[in-house]
């Protein structure tokens, strides 16, 4: 029975690590996406950092990416930047790849 208990603990530990990594990738992706949007809005470096943090926090409003996309669309439109949802989704996909590269490269 000990072998089964050990195996169960190993699966639980892997599940926890995978969940933590997914959270970290999403947070890093959102930070990169915030930096991408800040660049288009011509924000200063200090404003860029604050804005990237606000994008990360926006993801906690609801499950999924729609809250982040809505925030970016709203903020970019308010800043007079011509950007559509498709461009934001493409940037999100690109930032996801980069976030995975950064985090998995650091392991």
Protein backbone atom coordinates (compact mmCIF):
# COMPACT_ATOMS: atom_id res chain seq x y z
CA UNK A 1 0.00 0.00 0.00
CA UNK A 2 2.95 2.36 0.59
CA UNK A 3 3.85 2.29 -3.10
CA UNK A 4 0.34 3.48 -3.99
CA UNK A 5 0.47 6.21 -1.35
CA UNK A 6 3.82 7.39 -2.70
CA UNK A 7 2.47 7.41 -6.23
CA UNK A 8 -0.62 9.38 -5.16
CA UNK A 9 1.55 11.98 -3.39
CA UNK A 10 3.74 12.27 -6.48
CA UNK A 11 0.69 12.91 -8.68
CA UNK A 12 -0.64 15.48 -6.23
CA UNK A 13 2.73 17.25 -6.14
CA UNK A 14 2.90 17.30 -9.95
CA UNK A 15 -0.63 18.66 -10.16
CA UNK A 16 0.28 21.46 -7.74
CA UNK A 17 3.48 22.32 -9.66
CA UNK A 18 1.61 22.35 -12.97
CA UNK A 19 -1.07 24.64 -11.54
CA UNK A 20 1.51 27.01 -10.10
CA UNK A 21 3.40 27.10 -13.41
CA UNK A 22 0.20 27.84 -15.35
CA UNK A 23 -0.54 30.73 -12.98
CA UNK A 24 2.98 32.10 -13.35
CA UNK A 25 2.86 31.85 -17.16
CA UNK A 26 -0.47 33.69 -17.28
CA UNK A 27 0.76 36.43 -14.94
CA UNK A 28 3.98 36.86 -16.96
CA UNK A 29 2.00 36.87 -20.21
CA UNK A 30 -0.30 39.59 -18.88
CA UNK A 31 2.66 41.67 -17.72
CA UNK A 32 4.26 41.40 -21.16
CA UNK A 33 0.90 42.25 -22.75
CA UNK A 34 0.62 45.31 -20.51
CA UNK A 35 4.08 46.40 -21.62
CA UNK A 36 3.08 45.87 -25.26
CA UNK A 37 -0.02 48.06 -24.81
CA UNK A 38 1.91 50.70 -22.83
CA UNK A 39 4.40 50.99 -25.66
CA UNK A 40 1.56 51.70 -28.09
CA UNK A 41 0.14 54.30 -25.70
CA UNK A 42 3.61 55.93 -25.40
CA UNK A 43 3.68 55.66 -21.60
CA UNK A 44 6.77 56.54 -19.58
CA UNK A 45 8.80 53.71 -18.00
CA UNK A 46 7.18 54.31 -14.59
CA UNK A 47 3.72 54.43 -16.13
CA UNK A 48 4.52 51.27 -18.10
CA UNK A 49 5.36 49.35 -14.92
CA UNK A 50 2.19 50.52 -13.20
CA UNK A 51 0.08 49.77 -16.25
CA UNK A 52 1.55 46.26 -16.69
CA UNK A 53 0.71 45.56 -13.04
CA UNK A 54 -2.85 46.76 -13.58
CA UNK A 55 -3.22 44.37 -16.53
CA UNK A 56 -2.06 41.47 -14.35
CA UNK A 57 -4.60 42.49 -11.69
CA UNK A 58 -7.39 42.82 -14.26
CA UNK A 59 -7.14 39.09 -14.93
CA UNK A 60 -8.51 38.36 -11.45
CA UNK A 61 -11.91 39.88 -12.24
CA UNK A 62 -13.30 36.78 -13.96
CA UNK A 63 -12.22 33.41 -15.31
CA UNK A 64 -10.64 33.52 -18.74
CA UNK A 65 -8.97 36.20 -20.81
CA UNK A 66 -11.98 38.34 -21.68
CA UNK A 67 -11.48 40.71 -18.73
CA UNK A 68 -7.92 41.47 -19.88
CA UNK A 69 -9.00 41.95 -23.50
CA UNK A 70 -11.79 44.32 -22.46
CA UNK A 71 -9.37 46.35 -20.35
CA UNK A 72 -6.84 46.63 -23.15
CA UNK A 73 -9.47 47.54 -25.75
CA UNK A 74 -10.88 50.22 -23.46
CA UNK A 75 -7.51 51.67 -22.48
CA UNK A 76 -6.10 51.66 -26.01
CA UNK A 77 -9.26 53.30 -27.37
CA UNK A 78 -9.16 55.94 -24.63
CA UNK A 79 -5.54 56.69 -25.53
CA UNK A 80 -6.49 57.11 -29.20
CA UNK A 81 -4.62 54.01 -30.35
CA UNK A 82 -6.19 52.24 -33.31
CA UNK A 83 -6.27 48.60 -32.23
CA UNK A 84 -8.86 45.86 -32.61
CA UNK A 85 -9.59 42.71 -30.65
CA UNK A 86 -7.80 40.54 -33.19
CA UNK A 87 -4.56 42.47 -32.76
CA UNK A 88 -4.84 42.15 -28.99
CA UNK A 89 -5.49 38.41 -29.21
CA UNK A 90 -2.47 38.01 -31.51
CA UNK A 91 -0.30 40.00 -29.10
CA UNK A 92 -1.64 37.84 -26.26
CA UNK A 93 -0.64 34.67 -28.11
CA UNK A 94 2.82 36.08 -28.83
CA UNK A 95 3.26 37.13 -25.20
CA UNK A 96 2.14 33.66 -24.05
CA UNK A 97 4.91 32.06 -26.11
CA UNK A 98 7.46 34.52 -24.73
CA UNK A 99 6.27 34.03 -21.14
CA UNK A 100 6.61 30.26 -21.47
CA UNK A 101 10.08 30.68 -22.97
CA UNK A 102 11.16 32.96 -20.14
CA UNK A 103 9.78 30.81 -17.34
CA UNK A 104 10.71 27.40 -18.69
CA UNK A 105 14.16 28.71 -19.53
CA UNK A 106 14.66 29.70 -15.89
CA UNK A 107 13.97 26.22 -14.53
